[in-house]
Every structure is written in C-alpha cells, then in structure tokens.
Amino acid sequence: PPTPRFNDYAGYTMAAMGSIGAAFASPETKDGGEVIPSQIYYRPFNSWAPNGDWTQSLPKGEEVTCLAVGSTFVAVSTSLRFLRVFSFSGIQLFVLSLAGNCVCMSGFDDLLGVAHHSASSPSPLGDQVLEFQVINVKTRSVSSR
C-alpha cells in the first residue's frame, strides 16, 4: 500500500500513532500580527468515509504539550494544564484539569495513561514529584492513581 502523505502547513512538532490513525499537533505561532492557534490534526490510516480526517484549534494562549491516541480517542494535554479528549470524528468528549504540567501520555484501547507533575512539585529537597493516572475514556473514570 502507498505511504500516507500530507502537506504540513501548520508546522507540526509532535505526533502520536494508534492502531487505526495518527494525530499531529502544532504550537501557537504568529504570522505578522496575527496569532495562529495551536492545532490538532487527526488522520485515519484507512478512511472508510471521505473527509475522515479533522483539525481542531485550541483557544488562543493554549498550546498542546503532549499527545496520545487510543483505539477510540485522541487526547492532548495543554499549556494551561487541561486534558482534552476528542473522538475520532473530532468531537471534544470531555476536559479535565491536571494538577501540574504533563510529562507523558500514552493511549491503549479505551485507556489513557497520563504522567504529570504533582501540585506539590518540587519537593522540599528539590526533587520532582510526579503523579500517574490511568483514565478509562469510555467510562470517563480514573481506574488507577
């Protein structure tokens, strides 16, 4: 099969791949005096419908910091410590607030693993304090902490 390709007009700086598609994210930029918001782009590997891909812009001043793809969702953490979860059709399913900046995310099936700085980070000794949680996107519940 041919290798999927597309033109990168947004300046994507990060990506995540799942079993049926890939997501890309770009930072907020300025073009002259105009602010171009941070963007998320999802592209399925095999689209059963035309226009199966989608683009979503974040509000101005909010940028994608981490990105993950599961079997039914695309998730991004942002510079404002939000966790935004989207369906494969581009609909935002829910938004959560994180205690600290996201370090890493990973998607698998309906599960989303998120590692982020603790609200108490750094510790009195200067060590970073990280928290980890697994979120079931389908049930919107935290299954472990």
N, C-alpha and C. Protein backbone atom coordinates (compact mmCIF):
# COMPACT_ATOMS: atom_id res chain seq x y z
N PRO A 1 0.83 -1.20 0.00
CA PRO A 1 0.00 0.00 0.00
C PRO A 1 0.87 1.25 0.00
N PRO A 2 0.37 2.33 -0.57
CA PRO A 2 1.15 3.56 -0.59
C PRO A 2 1.30 4.16 0.81
N THR A 3 2.40 4.86 1.00
CA THR A 3 2.65 5.53 2.27
C THR A 3 1.76 6.77 2.36
N PRO A 4 1.00 6.92 3.47
CA PRO A 4 0.16 8.12 3.60
C PRO A 4 1.03 9.37 3.67
N ARG A 5 0.60 10.40 2.98
CA ARG A 5 1.33 11.68 2.97
C ARG A 5 0.34 12.82 3.04
N PHE A 6 0.81 13.95 3.57
CA PHE A 6 0.02 15.17 3.54
C PHE A 6 0.96 16.35 3.65
N ASN A 7 0.50 17.51 3.22
CA ASN A 7 1.29 18.73 3.31
C ASN A 7 1.14 19.31 4.71
N ASP A 8 2.26 19.67 5.32
CA ASP A 8 2.28 20.21 6.67
C ASP A 8 2.31 21.73 6.59
N TYR A 9 1.14 22.34 6.55
CA TYR A 9 1.05 23.80 6.51
C TYR A 9 1.01 24.41 7.91
N ALA A 10 0.78 23.59 8.93
CA ALA A 10 0.63 24.09 10.30
C ALA A 10 1.93 24.09 11.09
N GLY A 11 2.96 23.39 10.61
CA GLY A 11 4.22 23.32 11.34
C GLY A 11 4.13 22.37 12.52
N TYR A 12 3.68 21.15 12.29
CA TYR A 12 3.51 20.17 13.36
C TYR A 12 4.85 19.84 14.01
N THR A 13 4.85 19.77 15.34
CA THR A 13 6.08 19.50 16.09
C THR A 13 6.00 18.23 16.93
N MET A 14 4.81 17.62 16.98
CA MET A 14 4.68 16.36 17.72
C MET A 14 3.60 15.51 17.07
N ALA A 15 3.70 14.20 17.34
CA ALA A 15 2.74 13.26 16.76
C ALA A 15 2.59 12.06 17.66
N ALA A 16 1.48 11.35 17.49
CA ALA A 16 1.23 10.08 18.19
C ALA A 16 0.48 9.18 17.23
N MET A 17 0.83 7.89 17.27
CA MET A 17 0.19 6.93 16.38
C MET A 17 -0.58 5.90 17.18
N GLY A 18 -1.73 5.54 16.65
CA GLY A 18 -2.53 4.46 17.21
C GLY A 18 -2.64 3.36 16.18
N SER A 19 -3.48 2.38 16.45
CA SER A 19 -3.60 1.26 15.52
C SER A 19 -4.37 1.60 14.26
N ILE A 20 -5.21 2.65 14.30
CA ILE A 20 -6.00 2.98 13.11
C ILE A 20 -5.83 4.41 12.61
N GLY A 21 -4.94 5.18 13.26
CA GLY A 21 -4.73 6.55 12.79
C GLY A 21 -3.62 7.24 13.54
N ALA A 22 -3.32 8.45 13.11
CA ALA A 22 -2.26 9.25 13.73
C ALA A 22 -2.75 10.66 14.00
N ALA A 23 -2.23 11.26 15.05
CA ALA A 23 -2.57 12.64 15.41
C ALA A 23 -1.29 13.47 15.42
N PHE A 24 -1.44 14.73 15.05
CA PHE A 24 -0.32 15.66 14.97
C PHE A 24 -0.73 16.95 15.67
N ALA A 25 0.25 17.67 16.22
CA ALA A 25 -0.05 18.93 16.90
C ALA A 25 1.00 19.98 16.56
N SER A 26 0.54 21.22 16.49
CA SER A 26 1.44 22.34 16.21
C SER A 26 1.34 23.35 17.34
N PRO A 27 2.41 24.12 17.56
CA PRO A 27 2.37 25.16 18.59
C PRO A 27 1.63 26.40 18.07
N GLU A 28 1.26 27.26 18.99
CA GLU A 28 0.71 28.56 18.59
C GLU A 28 1.83 29.37 17.95
N THR A 29 1.53 30.05 16.86
CA THR A 29 2.53 30.86 16.16
C THR A 29 1.96 32.22 15.84
N LYS A 30 2.83 33.10 15.38
CA LYS A 30 2.40 34.42 14.93
C LYS A 30 2.82 34.61 13.49
N ASP A 31 1.91 35.11 12.70
CA ASP A 31 2.19 35.42 11.30
C ASP A 31 1.90 36.90 11.13
N GLY A 32 2.96 37.70 11.12
CA GLY A 32 2.76 39.15 11.15
C GLY A 32 2.20 39.51 12.51
N GLY A 33 1.06 40.15 12.54
CA GLY A 33 0.41 40.48 13.80
C GLY A 33 -0.68 39.50 14.18
N GLU A 34 -0.90 38.49 13.35
CA GLU A 34 -1.98 37.53 13.58
C GLU A 34 -1.50 36.32 14.37
N VAL A 35 -2.25 35.95 15.41
CA VAL A 35 -1.94 34.76 16.19
C VAL A 35 -2.64 33.56 15.56
N ILE A 36 -1.85 32.53 15.26
CA ILE A 36 -2.40 31.29 14.71
C ILE A 36 -2.41 30.27 15.85
N PRO A 37 -3.60 29.82 16.26
CA PRO A 37 -3.69 28.94 17.43
C PRO A 37 -3.01 27.59 17.23
N SER A 38 -2.69 26.95 18.34
CA SER A 38 -2.17 25.59 18.35
C SER A 38 -3.23 24.69 17.73
N GLN A 39 -2.80 23.75 16.88
CA GLN A 39 -3.74 22.90 16.16
C GLN A 39 -3.50 21.42 16.41
N ILE A 40 -4.59 20.66 16.37
CA ILE A 40 -4.54 19.20 16.44
C ILE A 40 -5.10 18.69 15.11
N TYR A 41 -4.40 17.74 14.51
CA TYR A 41 -4.86 17.15 13.26
C TYR A 41 -4.88 15.64 13.42
N TYR A 42 -6.01 15.01 13.12
CA TYR A 42 -6.11 13.55 13.17
C TYR A 42 -6.36 13.02 11.78
N ARG A 43 -5.64 11.96 11.45
CA ARG A 43 -5.80 11.34 10.13
C ARG A 43 -5.86 9.82 10.30
N PRO A 44 -7.01 9.22 9.92
CA PRO A 44 -7.09 7.76 9.97
C PRO A 44 -6.23 7.14 8.88
N PHE A 45 -5.71 5.96 9.14
CA PHE A 45 -4.88 5.29 8.13
C PHE A 45 -5.73 4.84 6.94
N ASN A 46 -6.89 4.27 7.21
CA ASN A 46 -7.80 3.84 6.15
C ASN A 46 -9.14 4.49 6.40
N SER A 47 -9.44 5.52 5.66
CA SER A 47 -10.69 6.22 5.88
C SER A 47 -11.81 5.54 5.10
N TRP A 48 -12.84 5.09 5.81
CA TRP A 48 -14.00 4.46 5.17
C TRP A 48 -14.95 5.52 4.62
N ALA A 49 -14.75 6.75 5.05
CA ALA A 49 -15.59 7.84 4.56
C ALA A 49 -14.70 8.98 4.09
N PRO A 50 -15.10 9.69 3.05
CA PRO A 50 -14.31 10.85 2.66
C PRO A 50 -14.31 11.86 3.81
N ASN A 51 -13.26 12.61 3.91
CA ASN A 51 -13.11 13.62 4.97
C ASN A 51 -13.10 12.98 6.36
N GLY A 52 -12.45 11.83 6.50
CA GLY A 52 -12.34 11.17 7.80
C GLY A 52 -11.36 11.87 8.72
N ASP A 53 -10.51 12.72 8.16
CA ASP A 53 -9.56 13.46 8.99
C ASP A 53 -10.21 14.75 9.49
N TRP A 54 -9.63 15.33 10.53
CA TRP A 54 -10.16 16.58 11.08
C TRP A 54 -9.05 17.40 11.71
N THR A 55 -9.33 18.69 11.85
CA THR A 55 -8.43 19.64 12.51
C THR A 55 -9.22 20.38 13.57
N GLN A 56 -8.60 20.56 14.72
CA GLN A 56 -9.22 21.29 15.82
C GLN A 56 -8.21 22.32 16.33
N SER A 57 -8.65 23.56 16.46
CA SER A 57 -7.78 24.62 17.00
C SER A 57 -8.09 24.82 18.48
N LEU A 58 -7.05 25.02 19.27
CA LEU A 58 -7.23 25.33 20.68
C LEU A 58 -7.48 26.83 20.84
N PRO A 59 -8.05 27.24 21.97
CA PRO A 59 -8.21 28.68 22.21
C PRO A 59 -6.84 29.38 22.22
N LYS A 60 -6.82 30.63 21.81
CA LYS A 60 -5.56 31.39 21.80
C LYS A 60 -4.97 31.41 23.20
N GLY A 61 -3.64 31.26 23.26
CA GLY A 61 -2.94 31.24 24.53
C GLY A 61 -2.81 29.85 25.15
N GLU A 62 -3.38 28.84 24.49
CA GLU A 62 -3.31 27.46 24.98
C GLU A 62 -2.64 26.60 23.91
N GLU A 63 -1.58 25.87 24.30
CA GLU A 63 -0.83 25.06 23.34
C GLU A 63 -0.79 23.60 23.76
N VAL A 64 -0.73 22.72 22.77
CA VAL A 64 -0.59 21.29 23.03
C VAL A 64 0.81 21.02 23.59
N THR A 65 0.88 20.24 24.69
CA THR A 65 2.18 19.87 25.27
C THR A 65 2.45 18.38 25.16
N CYS A 66 1.42 17.55 25.13
CA CYS A 66 1.54 16.10 24.94
C CYS A 66 0.35 15.62 24.13
N LEU A 67 0.54 14.46 23.50
CA LEU A 67 -0.46 13.95 22.57
C LEU A 67 -0.49 12.43 22.67
N ALA A 68 -1.68 11.83 22.62
CA ALA A 68 -1.81 10.36 22.65
C ALA A 68 -3.02 9.94 21.83
N VAL A 69 -2.96 8.72 21.30
CA VAL A 69 -4.06 8.15 20.52
C VAL A 69 -4.38 6.77 21.08
N GLY A 70 -5.66 6.53 21.33
CA GLY A 70 -6.13 5.21 21.76
C GLY A 70 -6.90 4.56 20.63
N SER A 71 -7.72 3.58 20.95
CA SER A 71 -8.48 2.90 19.90
C SER A 71 -9.76 3.64 19.53
N THR A 72 -10.16 4.62 20.37
CA THR A 72 -11.39 5.38 20.10
C THR A 72 -11.24 6.87 20.32
N PHE A 73 -10.03 7.35 20.63
CA PHE A 73 -9.88 8.74 21.03
C PHE A 73 -8.52 9.32 20.68
N VAL A 74 -8.48 10.65 20.68
CA VAL A 74 -7.24 11.43 20.62
C VAL A 74 -7.25 12.30 21.87
N ALA A 75 -6.15 12.33 22.60
CA ALA A 75 -6.07 13.14 23.82
C ALA A 75 -4.88 14.08 23.74
N VAL A 76 -5.07 15.29 24.24
CA VAL A 76 -3.97 16.25 24.32
C VAL A 76 -3.95 16.87 25.71
N SER A 77 -2.75 17.13 26.19
CA SER A 77 -2.60 17.97 27.37
C SER A 77 -2.17 19.34 26.85
N THR A 78 -2.45 20.37 27.63
CA THR A 78 -2.15 21.71 27.15
C THR A 78 -1.34 22.51 28.15
N SER A 79 -0.83 23.63 27.68
CA SER A 79 -0.02 24.53 28.49
C SER A 79 -0.80 25.13 29.66
N LEU A 80 -2.12 25.07 29.61
CA LEU A 80 -2.95 25.57 30.72
C LEU A 80 -3.36 24.43 31.66
N ARG A 81 -2.68 23.27 31.52
CA ARG A 81 -2.89 22.09 32.37
C ARG A 81 -4.27 21.47 32.18
N PHE A 82 -4.79 21.57 30.97
CA PHE A 82 -6.03 20.88 30.64
C PHE A 82 -5.71 19.57 29.94
N LEU A 83 -6.55 18.60 30.12
CA LEU A 83 -6.51 17.35 29.37
C LEU A 83 -7.78 17.33 28.53
N ARG A 84 -7.62 17.41 27.22
CA ARG A 84 -8.76 17.45 26.30
C ARG A 84 -8.81 16.13 25.54
N VAL A 85 -9.97 15.51 25.54
CA VAL A 85 -10.14 14.21 24.88
C VAL A 85 -11.18 14.36 23.76
N PHE A 86 -10.79 13.90 22.56
CA PHE A 86 -11.63 14.02 21.36
C PHE A 86 -11.96 12.64 20.82
N SER A 87 -13.13 12.53 20.19
CA SER A 87 -13.49 11.31 19.47
C SER A 87 -12.75 11.30 18.14
N PHE A 88 -12.78 10.16 17.44
CA PHE A 88 -12.14 10.09 16.13
C PHE A 88 -12.87 10.92 15.09
N SER A 89 -14.05 11.44 15.42
CA SER A 89 -14.75 12.33 14.50
C SER A 89 -14.45 13.80 14.81
N GLY A 90 -13.62 14.06 15.83
CA GLY A 90 -13.21 15.42 16.16
C GLY A 90 -14.06 16.11 17.20
N ILE A 91 -15.01 15.41 17.79
CA ILE A 91 -15.87 16.00 18.82
C ILE A 91 -15.15 15.91 20.16
N GLN A 92 -15.09 17.04 20.88
CA GLN A 92 -14.47 17.03 22.20
C GLN A 92 -15.40 16.29 23.16
N LEU A 93 -14.91 15.21 23.75
CA LEU A 93 -15.72 14.38 24.64
C LEU A 93 -15.76 14.93 26.06
N PHE A 94 -14.59 15.34 26.56
CA PHE A 94 -14.53 15.93 27.89
C PHE A 94 -13.20 16.63 28.10
N VAL A 95 -13.17 17.46 29.15
CA VAL A 95 -11.97 18.21 29.53
C VAL A 95 -11.76 18.00 31.02
N LEU A 96 -10.52 17.68 31.39
CA LEU A 96 -10.14 17.55 32.80
C LEU A 96 -9.04 18.55 33.11
N SER A 97 -8.90 18.90 34.37
CA SER A 97 -7.81 19.76 34.81
C SER A 97 -6.74 18.90 35.47
N LEU A 98 -5.48 19.12 35.10
CA LEU A 98 -4.36 18.38 35.68
C LEU A 98 -3.75 19.21 36.81
N ALA A 99 -3.21 18.53 37.82
CA ALA A 99 -2.60 19.21 38.96
C ALA A 99 -1.31 19.93 38.59
N GLY A 100 -0.62 19.43 37.56
CA GLY A 100 0.64 20.02 37.13
C GLY A 100 0.85 19.78 35.65
N ASN A 101 1.98 20.25 35.14
CA ASN A 101 2.28 20.10 33.72
C ASN A 101 2.45 18.63 33.35
N CYS A 102 1.92 18.26 32.19
CA CYS A 102 2.01 16.88 31.71
C CYS A 102 3.44 16.57 31.28
N VAL A 103 3.89 15.36 31.60
CA VAL A 103 5.22 14.89 31.22
C VAL A 103 5.12 13.91 30.06
N CYS A 104 4.11 13.02 30.11
CA CYS A 104 3.96 11.99 29.09
C CYS A 104 2.53 11.46 29.10
N MET A 105 2.05 11.03 27.92
CA MET A 105 0.75 10.38 27.82
C MET A 105 0.87 9.20 26.87
N SER A 106 0.03 8.19 27.10
CA SER A 106 0.00 7.03 26.21
C SER A 106 -1.42 6.48 26.15
N GLY A 107 -1.86 6.14 24.95
CA GLY A 107 -3.19 5.58 24.77
C GLY A 107 -3.12 4.12 24.39
N PHE A 108 -4.06 3.32 24.91
CA PHE A 108 -4.19 1.91 24.55
C PHE A 108 -5.64 1.51 24.73
N ASP A 109 -6.26 0.98 23.69
CA ASP A 109 -7.68 0.65 23.72
C ASP A 109 -8.46 1.87 24.20
N ASP A 110 -9.27 1.71 25.27
CA ASP A 110 -10.04 2.83 25.81
C ASP A 110 -9.32 3.51 26.98
N LEU A 111 -8.05 3.14 27.22
CA LEU A 111 -7.32 3.66 28.37
C LEU A 111 -6.32 4.73 27.97
N LEU A 112 -6.20 5.72 28.84
CA LEU A 112 -5.25 6.81 28.64
C LEU A 112 -4.39 6.93 29.89
N GLY A 113 -3.10 6.71 29.74
CA GLY A 113 -2.16 6.90 30.84
C GLY A 113 -1.59 8.30 30.79
N VAL A 114 -1.59 8.99 31.92
CA VAL A 114 -1.09 10.36 31.99
C VAL A 114 -0.13 10.49 33.16
N ALA A 115 1.10 10.93 32.88
CA ALA A 115 2.07 11.25 33.93
C ALA A 115 2.23 12.77 33.94
N HIS A 116 2.09 13.37 35.11
CA HIS A 116 2.20 14.83 35.21
C HIS A 116 2.84 15.21 36.54
N HIS A 117 3.32 16.45 36.59
CA HIS A 117 3.90 16.96 37.83
C HIS A 117 2.81 17.08 38.89
N SER A 118 3.17 16.81 40.12
CA SER A 118 2.25 16.94 41.24
C SER A 118 2.04 18.42 41.54
N ALA A 119 0.94 18.72 42.20
CA ALA A 119 0.69 20.09 42.63
C ALA A 119 1.74 20.53 43.65
N SER A 120 2.37 19.57 44.35
CA SER A 120 3.38 19.89 45.37
C SER A 120 4.80 19.86 44.82
N SER A 121 4.95 19.71 43.51
CA SER A 121 6.28 19.62 42.89
C SER A 121 6.91 21.01 42.83
N PRO A 122 8.19 21.20 43.09
CA PRO A 122 9.15 20.20 43.56
C PRO A 122 9.03 19.96 45.06
N SER A 123 9.65 18.86 45.50
CA SER A 123 9.62 18.51 46.92
C SER A 123 10.52 19.47 47.69
N PRO A 124 10.48 19.45 49.03
CA PRO A 124 11.36 20.31 49.82
C PRO A 124 12.84 20.11 49.50
N LEU A 125 13.21 18.92 49.00
CA LEU A 125 14.60 18.65 48.64
C LEU A 125 14.91 19.06 47.20
N GLY A 126 13.91 19.56 46.50
CA GLY A 126 14.12 19.98 45.12
C GLY A 126 13.83 18.90 44.09
N ASP A 127 13.43 17.71 44.56
CA ASP A 127 13.11 16.62 43.63
C ASP A 127 11.77 16.88 42.94
N GLN A 128 11.66 16.41 41.72
CA GLN A 128 10.38 16.49 41.04
C GLN A 128 9.45 15.42 41.60
N VAL A 129 8.20 15.77 41.74
CA VAL A 129 7.19 14.83 42.22
C VAL A 129 6.20 14.62 41.09
N LEU A 130 6.10 13.36 40.64
CA LEU A 130 5.21 13.04 39.53
C LEU A 130 4.02 12.22 40.01
N GLU A 131 2.91 12.40 39.36
CA GLU A 131 1.72 11.59 39.59
C GLU A 131 1.37 10.89 38.29
N PHE A 132 0.76 9.72 38.41
CA PHE A 132 0.36 8.96 37.23
C PHE A 132 -1.06 8.49 37.43
N GLN A 133 -1.85 8.60 36.39
CA GLN A 133 -3.21 8.08 36.45
C GLN A 133 -3.59 7.41 35.14
N VAL A 134 -4.46 6.41 35.25
CA VAL A 134 -4.99 5.73 34.07
C VAL A 134 -6.47 6.07 34.01
N ILE A 135 -6.89 6.64 32.90
CA ILE A 135 -8.27 7.07 32.72
C ILE A 135 -8.94 6.16 31.69
N ASN A 136 -10.09 5.63 32.05
CA ASN A 136 -10.89 4.87 31.09
C ASN A 136 -11.73 5.90 30.34
N VAL A 137 -11.40 6.15 29.09
CA VAL A 137 -12.07 7.19 28.30
C VAL A 137 -13.53 6.82 28.05
N LYS A 138 -13.80 5.55 27.87
CA LYS A 138 -15.17 5.11 27.59
C LYS A 138 -16.11 5.41 28.76
N THR A 139 -15.65 5.11 29.99
CA THR A 139 -16.49 5.33 31.17
C THR A 139 -16.18 6.67 31.85
N ARG A 140 -15.15 7.35 31.38
CA ARG A 140 -14.72 8.63 31.95
C ARG A 140 -14.40 8.51 33.44
N SER A 141 -13.71 7.44 33.78
CA SER A 141 -13.36 7.22 35.18
C SER A 141 -11.87 6.97 35.31
N VAL A 142 -11.33 7.34 36.47
CA VAL A 142 -9.92 7.08 36.77
C VAL A 142 -9.85 5.68 37.36
N SER A 143 -9.14 4.78 36.65
CA SER A 143 -9.10 3.39 37.10
C SER A 143 -7.91 3.10 38.01
N SER A 144 -6.91 3.96 38.02
CA SER A 144 -5.80 3.80 38.97
C SER A 144 -5.09 5.13 39.11
N ARG A 145 -4.41 5.28 40.24
CA ARG A 145 -3.66 6.51 40.52
C ARG A 145 -2.33 6.17 41.08
